[in-house]
Amino acid sequence: MSSDLNRVTLSGRLTRDVELRSLNTGTYVARFTLASNKSVKKNDEWKDVPGFYDCVVFGKKAEVMSKHLIKGQRIGVDGKLNFSSWENKEGKKQSRVEIYVEDFIFLESKKSDKPESVADSFSGQSVDASDSPFSDPFMDDVPF
């Protein structure tokens, strides 16, 4: 097992509605982009500069997100970075880094200003971690 750490925690607003698809295996995959601001000082004045982050989530969580999230809504995500590369039709190399979301929390409701937890959205249903392509069988051995 590698000693490198790959962990991302981010909060922001959805730049568009969540896009839900089903894989050939029947597993759901959802894609969305989060915009998150950082403060930058320029000419003795602070400005908010947005960053845009592509996110992917699998399984039951993908279904929940597509049902309950809309453009502009604020959420928090936790997950891992995933790097992929390929050649386009012209033979040019391209790459992208995405956040593979493992956990998320609603930071506001789409119907009211009251925060809503992910647990409330599942209505008592359990989520199978095997839906995730990056589940780690050794995580049960971690002492914390």
C-alpha atoms as a PDB file:
ATOM      1  CA  MET A   1       0.000   0.000   0.000  1.00  0.00           C
ATOM      2  CA  SER A   2       1.389   3.391  -0.960  1.00  0.00           C
ATOM      3  CA  SER A   3       2.185   5.961   1.710  1.00  0.00           C
ATOM      4  CA  ASP A   4       1.039   8.799  -0.563  1.00  0.00           C
ATOM      5  CA  LEU A   5      -2.139  10.626   0.390  1.00  0.00           C
ATOM      6  CA  ASN A   6      -4.875  11.413  -2.126  1.00  0.00           C
ATOM      7  CA  ARG A   7      -7.700  13.249  -0.345  1.00  0.00           C
ATOM      8  CA  VAL A   8      -9.813  16.253  -1.379  1.00  0.00           C
ATOM      9  CA  THR A   9     -12.375  18.177   0.665  1.00  0.00           C
ATOM     10  CA  LEU A  10     -14.144  21.031  -1.081  1.00  0.00           C
ATOM     11  CA  SER A  11     -17.256  23.141  -0.759  1.00  0.00           C
ATOM     12  CA  GLY A  12     -18.836  25.180  -3.498  1.00  0.00           C
ATOM     13  CA  ARG A  13     -21.850  25.727  -5.727  1.00  0.00           C
ATOM     14  CA  LEU A  14     -23.000  23.596  -8.634  1.00  0.00           C
ATOM     15  CA  THR A  15     -22.442  25.322 -11.974  1.00  0.00           C
ATOM     16  CA  ARG A  16     -25.129  23.163 -13.628  1.00  0.00           C
ATOM     17  CA  ASP A  17     -27.627  20.465 -12.734  1.00  0.00           C
ATOM     18  CA  VAL A  18     -26.224  17.015 -11.970  1.00  0.00           C
ATOM     19  CA  GLU A  19     -25.969  14.780 -15.072  1.00  0.00           C
ATOM     20  CA  LEU A  20     -26.961  11.162 -14.259  1.00  0.00           C
ATOM     21  CA  ARG A  21     -26.171   8.155 -16.465  1.00  0.00           C
ATOM     22  CA  SER A  22     -26.245   4.405 -16.081  1.00  0.00           C
ATOM     23  CA  LEU A  23     -23.249   2.213 -16.896  1.00  0.00           C
ATOM     24  CA  ASN A  24     -23.645  -1.110 -18.751  1.00  0.00           C
ATOM     25  CA  THR A  25     -23.347  -2.814 -15.357  1.00  0.00           C
ATOM     26  CA  GLY A  26     -26.407  -0.930 -14.084  1.00  0.00           C
ATOM     27  CA  THR A  27     -24.350   1.248 -11.743  1.00  0.00           C
ATOM     28  CA  TYR A  28     -25.279   4.926 -11.811  1.00  0.00           C
ATOM     29  CA  VAL A  29     -22.667   7.610 -12.404  1.00  0.00           C
ATOM     30  CA  ALA A  30     -23.295  11.323 -11.897  1.00  0.00           C
ATOM     31  CA  ARG A  31     -21.166  14.227 -13.106  1.00  0.00           C
ATOM     32  CA  PHE A  32     -21.235  17.846 -12.018  1.00  0.00           C
ATOM     33  CA  THR A  33     -18.949  20.852 -11.660  1.00  0.00           C
ATOM     34  CA  LEU A  34     -18.370  22.772  -8.430  1.00  0.00           C
ATOM     35  CA  ALA A  35     -17.334  26.414  -8.374  1.00  0.00           C
ATOM     36  CA  SER A  36     -15.343  27.401  -5.307  1.00  0.00           C
ATOM     37  CA  ASN A  37     -13.891  30.860  -4.682  1.00  0.00           C
ATOM     38  CA  LYS A  38     -10.500  31.773  -3.282  1.00  0.00           C
ATOM     39  CA  SER A  39      -9.509  35.254  -2.127  1.00  0.00           C
ATOM     40  CA  VAL A  40      -6.637  36.909  -3.973  1.00  0.00           C
ATOM     41  CA  LYS A  41      -5.081  40.270  -3.124  1.00  0.00           C
ATOM     42  CA  LYS A  42      -4.495  42.480  -6.160  1.00  0.00           C
ATOM     43  CA  ASN A  43      -3.492  46.149  -5.930  1.00  0.00           C
ATOM     44  CA  ASP A  44      -4.246  46.316  -2.188  1.00  0.00           C
ATOM     45  CA  GLU A  45      -7.750  44.974  -2.800  1.00  0.00           C
ATOM     46  CA  TRP A  46      -9.106  41.507  -2.120  1.00  0.00           C
ATOM     47  CA  LYS A  47     -11.074  39.785  -4.866  1.00  0.00           C
ATOM     48  CA  ASP A  48     -12.837  36.429  -5.062  1.00  0.00           C
ATOM     49  CA  VAL A  49     -11.520  34.294  -7.913  1.00  0.00           C
ATOM     50  CA  PRO A  50     -13.521  31.177  -8.808  1.00  0.00           C
ATOM     51  CA  GLY A  51     -12.040  27.748  -9.443  1.00  0.00           C
ATOM     52  CA  PHE A  52     -14.025  25.077 -11.287  1.00  0.00           C
ATOM     53  CA  TYR A  53     -13.760  21.403 -10.322  1.00  0.00           C
ATOM     54  CA  ASP A  54     -15.230  18.451 -12.249  1.00  0.00           C
ATOM     55  CA  CYS A  55     -16.724  15.814  -9.943  1.00  0.00           C
ATOM     56  CA  VAL A  56     -17.896  12.220 -10.446  1.00  0.00           C
ATOM     57  CA  VAL A  57     -19.931  10.071  -8.043  1.00  0.00           C
ATOM     58  CA  PHE A  58     -21.090   6.450  -8.372  1.00  0.00           C
ATOM     59  CA  GLY A  59     -23.930   4.226  -7.177  1.00  0.00           C
ATOM     60  CA  LYS A  60     -26.750   5.196  -4.824  1.00  0.00           C
ATOM     61  CA  LYS A  61     -25.082   8.496  -3.979  1.00  0.00           C
ATOM     62  CA  ALA A  62     -25.210   9.448  -7.671  1.00  0.00           C
ATOM     63  CA  GLU A  63     -28.970   8.834  -7.695  1.00  0.00           C
ATOM     64  CA  VAL A  64     -29.497  10.891  -4.531  1.00  0.00           C
ATOM     65  CA  MET A  65     -27.445  13.793  -5.843  1.00  0.00           C
ATOM     66  CA  SER A  66     -29.310  13.882  -9.166  1.00  0.00           C
ATOM     67  CA  LYS A  67     -32.678  13.948  -7.372  1.00  0.00           C
ATOM     68  CA  HIS A  68     -31.855  16.579  -4.773  1.00  0.00           C
ATOM     69  CA  LEU A  69     -29.279  18.956  -6.257  1.00  0.00           C
ATOM     70  CA  ILE A  70     -29.806  21.808  -8.691  1.00  0.00           C
ATOM     71  CA  LYS A  71     -27.627  24.456 -10.310  1.00  0.00           C
ATOM     72  CA  GLY A  72     -26.453  27.070  -7.802  1.00  0.00           C
ATOM     73  CA  GLN A  73     -26.925  24.874  -4.740  1.00  0.00           C
ATOM     74  CA  ARG A  74     -24.076  24.776  -2.192  1.00  0.00           C
ATOM     75  CA  ILE A  75     -22.611  21.396  -1.194  1.00  0.00           C
ATOM     76  CA  GLY A  76     -19.495  19.948   0.397  1.00  0.00           C
ATOM     77  CA  VAL A  77     -17.677  16.966  -1.103  1.00  0.00           C
ATOM     78  CA  ASP A  78     -14.926  14.649   0.075  1.00  0.00           C
ATOM     79  CA  GLY A  79     -13.083  12.223  -2.178  1.00  0.00           C
ATOM     80  CA  LYS A  80      -9.997  11.448  -4.216  1.00  0.00           C
ATOM     81  CA  LEU A  81      -8.385  12.943  -7.294  1.00  0.00           C
ATOM     82  CA  ASN A  82      -8.418  10.793 -10.421  1.00  0.00           C
ATOM     83  CA  PHE A  83      -6.089  11.542 -13.340  1.00  0.00           C
ATOM     84  CA  SER A  84      -6.884  10.221 -16.817  1.00  0.00           C
ATOM     85  CA  SER A  85      -5.243  10.765 -20.205  1.00  0.00           C
ATOM     86  CA  TRP A  86      -6.069   9.825 -23.786  1.00  0.00           C
ATOM     87  CA  GLU A  87      -5.406  10.751 -27.398  1.00  0.00           C
ATOM     88  CA  ASN A  88      -8.106  12.632 -29.301  1.00  0.00           C
ATOM     89  CA  LYS A  89      -9.108  11.940 -32.923  1.00  0.00           C
ATOM     90  CA  GLU A  90      -6.229  14.084 -34.203  1.00  0.00           C
ATOM     91  CA  GLY A  91      -3.711  12.109 -32.106  1.00  0.00           C
ATOM     92  CA  LYS A  92      -3.149  14.939 -29.620  1.00  0.00           C
ATOM     93  CA  LYS A  93      -2.657  13.891 -25.991  1.00  0.00           C
ATOM     94  CA  GLN A  94      -5.280  15.202 -23.567  1.00  0.00           C
ATOM     95  CA  SER A  95      -5.740  14.789 -19.847  1.00  0.00           C
ATOM     96  CA  ARG A  96      -8.063  15.702 -17.022  1.00  0.00           C
ATOM     97  CA  VAL A  97      -8.206  15.530 -13.245  1.00  0.00           C
ATOM     98  CA  GLU A  98     -11.571  14.851 -11.610  1.00  0.00           C
ATOM     99  CA  ILE A  99     -12.713  14.529  -8.027  1.00  0.00           C
ATOM    100  CA  TYR A 100     -14.173  11.062  -7.386  1.00  0.00           C
ATOM    101  CA  VAL A 101     -16.669  11.913  -4.667  1.00  0.00           C
ATOM    102  CA  GLU A 102     -16.946   9.421  -1.812  1.00  0.00           C
ATOM    103  CA  ASP A 103     -19.015  11.528   0.612  1.00  0.00           C
ATOM    104  CA  PHE A 104     -21.014  14.713   0.345  1.00  0.00           C
ATOM    105  CA  ILE A 105     -23.223  16.961   2.426  1.00  0.00           C
ATOM    106  CA  PHE A 106     -25.978  19.341   1.453  1.00  0.00           C
ATOM    107  CA  LEU A 107     -25.006  22.776   2.779  1.00  0.00           C
ATOM    108  CA  GLU A 108     -28.404  24.200   1.857  1.00  0.00           C
ATOM    109  CA  SER A 109     -31.728  22.818   0.746  1.00  0.00           C
ATOM    110  CA  LYS A 110     -33.142  23.550  -2.694  1.00  0.00           C
ATOM    111  CA  LYS A 111     -36.537  24.290  -1.111  1.00  0.00           C
ATOM    112  CA  SER A 112     -35.443  26.231   1.963  1.00  0.00           C
ATOM    113  CA  ASP A 113     -32.400  27.706   3.674  1.00  0.00           C
ATOM    114  CA  LYS A 114     -32.347  24.874   6.230  1.00  0.00           C
ATOM    115  CA  PRO A 115     -29.227  22.661   5.885  1.00  0.00           C
ATOM    116  CA  GLU A 116     -29.997  19.050   5.027  1.00  0.00           C
ATOM    117  CA  SER A 117     -27.730  16.112   5.801  1.00  0.00           C
ATOM    118  CA  VAL A 118     -26.971  13.269   3.434  1.00  0.00           C
ATOM    119  CA  ALA A 119     -28.406  10.843   5.986  1.00  0.00           C
ATOM    120  CA  ASP A 120     -31.818  12.558   5.713  1.00  0.00           C
ATOM    121  CA  SER A 121     -31.787  12.019   1.948  1.00  0.00           C
ATOM    122  CA  PHE A 122     -31.192   8.284   2.165  1.00  0.00           C
ATOM    123  CA  SER A 123     -34.357   7.754   4.269  1.00  0.00           C
ATOM    124  CA  GLY A 124     -32.736   4.960   6.224  1.00  0.00           C
ATOM    125  CA  GLN A 125     -31.363   3.146   3.179  1.00  0.00           C
ATOM    126  CA  SER A 126     -27.829   1.861   3.426  1.00  0.00           C
ATOM    127  CA  VAL A 127     -25.262   2.559   0.726  1.00  0.00           C
ATOM    128  CA  ASP A 128     -23.041  -0.259  -0.493  1.00  0.00           C
ATOM    129  CA  ALA A 129     -19.431   0.925  -0.716  1.00  0.00           C
ATOM    130  CA  SER A 130     -18.811  -1.676  -3.420  1.00  0.00           C
ATOM    131  CA  ASP A 131     -20.618   0.667  -5.838  1.00  0.00           C
ATOM    132  CA  SER A 132     -17.472   2.781  -5.780  1.00  0.00           C
ATOM    133  CA  PRO A 133     -14.659   1.941  -8.222  1.00  0.00           C
ATOM    134  CA  PHE A 134     -12.100   3.100  -5.624  1.00  0.00           C
ATOM    135  CA  SER A 135     -13.285   1.239  -2.524  1.00  0.00           C
ATOM    136  CA  ASP A 136     -10.365  -0.004  -0.457  1.00  0.00           C
ATOM    137  CA  PRO A 137     -10.731  -3.406   1.260  1.00  0.00           C
ATOM    138  CA  PHE A 138      -8.009  -2.438   3.756  1.00  0.00           C
ATOM    139  CA  MET A 139      -9.847   0.630   5.099  1.00  0.00           C
ATOM    140  CA  ASP A 140     -11.525  -1.516   7.785  1.00  0.00           C
ATOM    141  CA  ASP A 141      -8.066  -2.066   9.293  1.00  0.00           C
ATOM    142  CA  VAL A 142      -7.401   1.664   9.823  1.00  0.00           C
ATOM    143  CA  PRO A 143      -7.483   2.319  13.615  1.00  0.00           C
ATOM    144  CA  PHE A 144      -9.210   5.703  13.383  1.00  0.00           C
END
